[in-house]
Amino acid sequence: MHSQFDLSLWNRRMIAYGVERQKIFVLGFAVSQNATSHRIHLEARSSAQQVLASRHTPQPDEAAPTPGCDRRPS
């Protein structure tokens, strides 16, 4: 996270003057990074759940037999 923070600085300098403004800038950076990471995590989890759901969907040839039809191929 430190390297991302350094890269976000304009010309490697803090754009806020004063300690309080610098604290707000750093806090805003941390919150935005956390929100971005959370969104990426949710999207990845959603994609994984969709893949798992598609794998467990019965295919037409794997469908349950018709009730009352106990014939097996000979």
C-alpha atoms as a PDB file:
ATOM      1  CA  MET A   1       0.000   0.000   0.000  1.00  0.00           C
ATOM      2  CA  HIS A   2       2.914   2.335   0.658  1.00  0.00           C
ATOM      3  CA  SER A   3       4.130   2.135  -2.940  1.00  0.00           C
ATOM      4  CA  GLN A   4       0.607   2.854  -4.231  1.00  0.00           C
ATOM      5  CA  PHE A   5       0.448   5.837  -1.930  1.00  0.00           C
ATOM      6  CA  ASP A   6       3.808   7.119  -3.177  1.00  0.00           C
ATOM      7  CA  LEU A   7       2.671   6.703  -6.781  1.00  0.00           C
ATOM      8  CA  SER A   8      -0.523   8.653  -6.083  1.00  0.00           C
ATOM      9  CA  LEU A   9       1.415  11.723  -4.955  1.00  0.00           C
ATOM     10  CA  TRP A  10       1.877  14.435  -7.543  1.00  0.00           C
ATOM     11  CA  ASN A  11       5.585  14.746  -8.281  1.00  0.00           C
ATOM     12  CA  ARG A  12       6.168  12.655  -5.137  1.00  0.00           C
ATOM     13  CA  ARG A  13       4.880  15.512  -2.967  1.00  0.00           C
ATOM     14  CA  MET A  14       1.919  15.810  -0.637  1.00  0.00           C
ATOM     15  CA  ILE A  15      -0.689  18.109  -2.180  1.00  0.00           C
ATOM     16  CA  ALA A  16      -2.144  19.202   1.167  1.00  0.00           C
ATOM     17  CA  TYR A  17      -0.637  21.904   3.356  1.00  0.00           C
ATOM     18  CA  GLY A  18      -0.716  21.382   7.106  1.00  0.00           C
ATOM     19  CA  VAL A  19      -0.804  18.304   9.273  1.00  0.00           C
ATOM     20  CA  GLU A  20      -4.612  18.117   9.519  1.00  0.00           C
ATOM     21  CA  ARG A  21      -5.095  18.278   5.741  1.00  0.00           C
ATOM     22  CA  GLN A  22      -2.369  15.688   5.208  1.00  0.00           C
ATOM     23  CA  LYS A  23      -4.105  13.362   7.682  1.00  0.00           C
ATOM     24  CA  ILE A  24      -7.389  13.777   5.794  1.00  0.00           C
ATOM     25  CA  PHE A  25      -5.624  13.104   2.496  1.00  0.00           C
ATOM     26  CA  VAL A  26      -4.014   9.915   3.826  1.00  0.00           C
ATOM     27  CA  LEU A  27      -7.277   8.778   5.415  1.00  0.00           C
ATOM     28  CA  GLY A  28      -9.133   9.389   2.145  1.00  0.00           C
ATOM     29  CA  PHE A  29      -6.510   7.405   0.262  1.00  0.00           C
ATOM     30  CA  ALA A  30      -6.811   4.474   2.671  1.00  0.00           C
ATOM     31  CA  VAL A  31     -10.609   4.489   2.486  1.00  0.00           C
ATOM     32  CA  SER A  32     -10.602   4.568  -1.309  1.00  0.00           C
ATOM     33  CA  GLN A  33      -8.086   1.722  -1.507  1.00  0.00           C
ATOM     34  CA  ASN A  34     -10.158  -0.321   0.926  1.00  0.00           C
ATOM     35  CA  ALA A  35     -13.358   0.315  -1.054  1.00  0.00           C
ATOM     36  CA  THR A  36     -11.663  -0.673  -4.305  1.00  0.00           C
ATOM     37  CA  SER A  37     -10.271  -3.870  -2.801  1.00  0.00           C
ATOM     38  CA  HIS A  38     -13.664  -4.735  -1.301  1.00  0.00           C
ATOM     39  CA  ARG A  39     -15.406  -4.271  -4.663  1.00  0.00           C
ATOM     40  CA  ILE A  40     -12.846  -6.455  -6.449  1.00  0.00           C
ATOM     41  CA  HIS A  41     -13.264  -9.127  -3.768  1.00  0.00           C
ATOM     42  CA  LEU A  42     -17.066  -9.092  -4.128  1.00  0.00           C
ATOM     43  CA  GLU A  43     -16.865  -9.340  -7.924  1.00  0.00           C
ATOM     44  CA  ALA A  44     -14.430 -12.255  -7.733  1.00  0.00           C
ATOM     45  CA  ARG A  45     -16.610 -14.047  -5.195  1.00  0.00           C
ATOM     46  CA  SER A  46     -19.714 -13.493  -7.330  1.00  0.00           C
ATOM     47  CA  SER A  47     -17.927 -14.852 -10.406  1.00  0.00           C
ATOM     48  CA  ALA A  48     -16.761 -17.913  -8.492  1.00  0.00           C
ATOM     49  CA  GLN A  49     -20.302 -18.583  -7.246  1.00  0.00           C
ATOM     50  CA  GLN A  50     -21.649 -18.329 -10.798  1.00  0.00           C
ATOM     51  CA  VAL A  51     -19.045 -20.824 -12.028  1.00  0.00           C
ATOM     52  CA  LEU A  52     -19.899 -23.234  -9.225  1.00  0.00           C
ATOM     53  CA  ALA A  53     -23.623 -22.870  -9.900  1.00  0.00           C
ATOM     54  CA  SER A  54     -23.147 -23.599 -13.603  1.00  0.00           C
ATOM     55  CA  ARG A  55     -21.125 -26.716 -12.792  1.00  0.00           C
ATOM     56  CA  HIS A  56     -23.875 -28.106 -10.571  1.00  0.00           C
ATOM     57  CA  THR A  57     -26.731 -27.489 -13.010  1.00  0.00           C
ATOM     58  CA  PRO A  58     -27.938 -30.899 -14.242  1.00  0.00           C
ATOM     59  CA  GLN A  59     -27.468 -31.452 -17.940  1.00  0.00           C
ATOM     60  CA  PRO A  60     -30.363 -32.840 -20.027  1.00  0.00           C
ATOM     61  CA  ASP A  61     -28.800 -36.327 -20.152  1.00  0.00           C
ATOM     62  CA  GLU A  62     -28.292 -36.238 -16.350  1.00  0.00           C
ATOM     63  CA  ALA A  63     -31.886 -35.266 -15.594  1.00  0.00           C
ATOM     64  CA  ALA A  64     -33.810 -37.263 -13.022  1.00  0.00           C
ATOM     65  CA  PRO A  65     -35.821 -40.170 -14.448  1.00  0.00           C
ATOM     66  CA  THR A  66     -39.506 -39.700 -15.058  1.00  0.00           C
ATOM     67  CA  PRO A  67     -41.527 -40.869 -12.022  1.00  0.00           C
ATOM     68  CA  GLY A  68     -43.099 -44.277 -12.586  1.00  0.00           C
ATOM     69  CA  CYS A  69     -40.630 -45.186 -15.304  1.00  0.00           C
ATOM     70  CA  ASP A  70     -38.335 -47.828 -13.865  1.00  0.00           C
ATOM     71  CA  ARG A  71     -37.180 -49.320 -17.154  1.00  0.00           C
ATOM     72  CA  ARG A  72     -33.492 -49.677 -17.633  1.00  0.00           C
ATOM     73  CA  PRO A  73     -31.788 -50.256 -20.955  1.00  0.00           C
ATOM     74  CA  SER A  74     -31.055 -53.924 -21.560  1.00  0.00           C
END
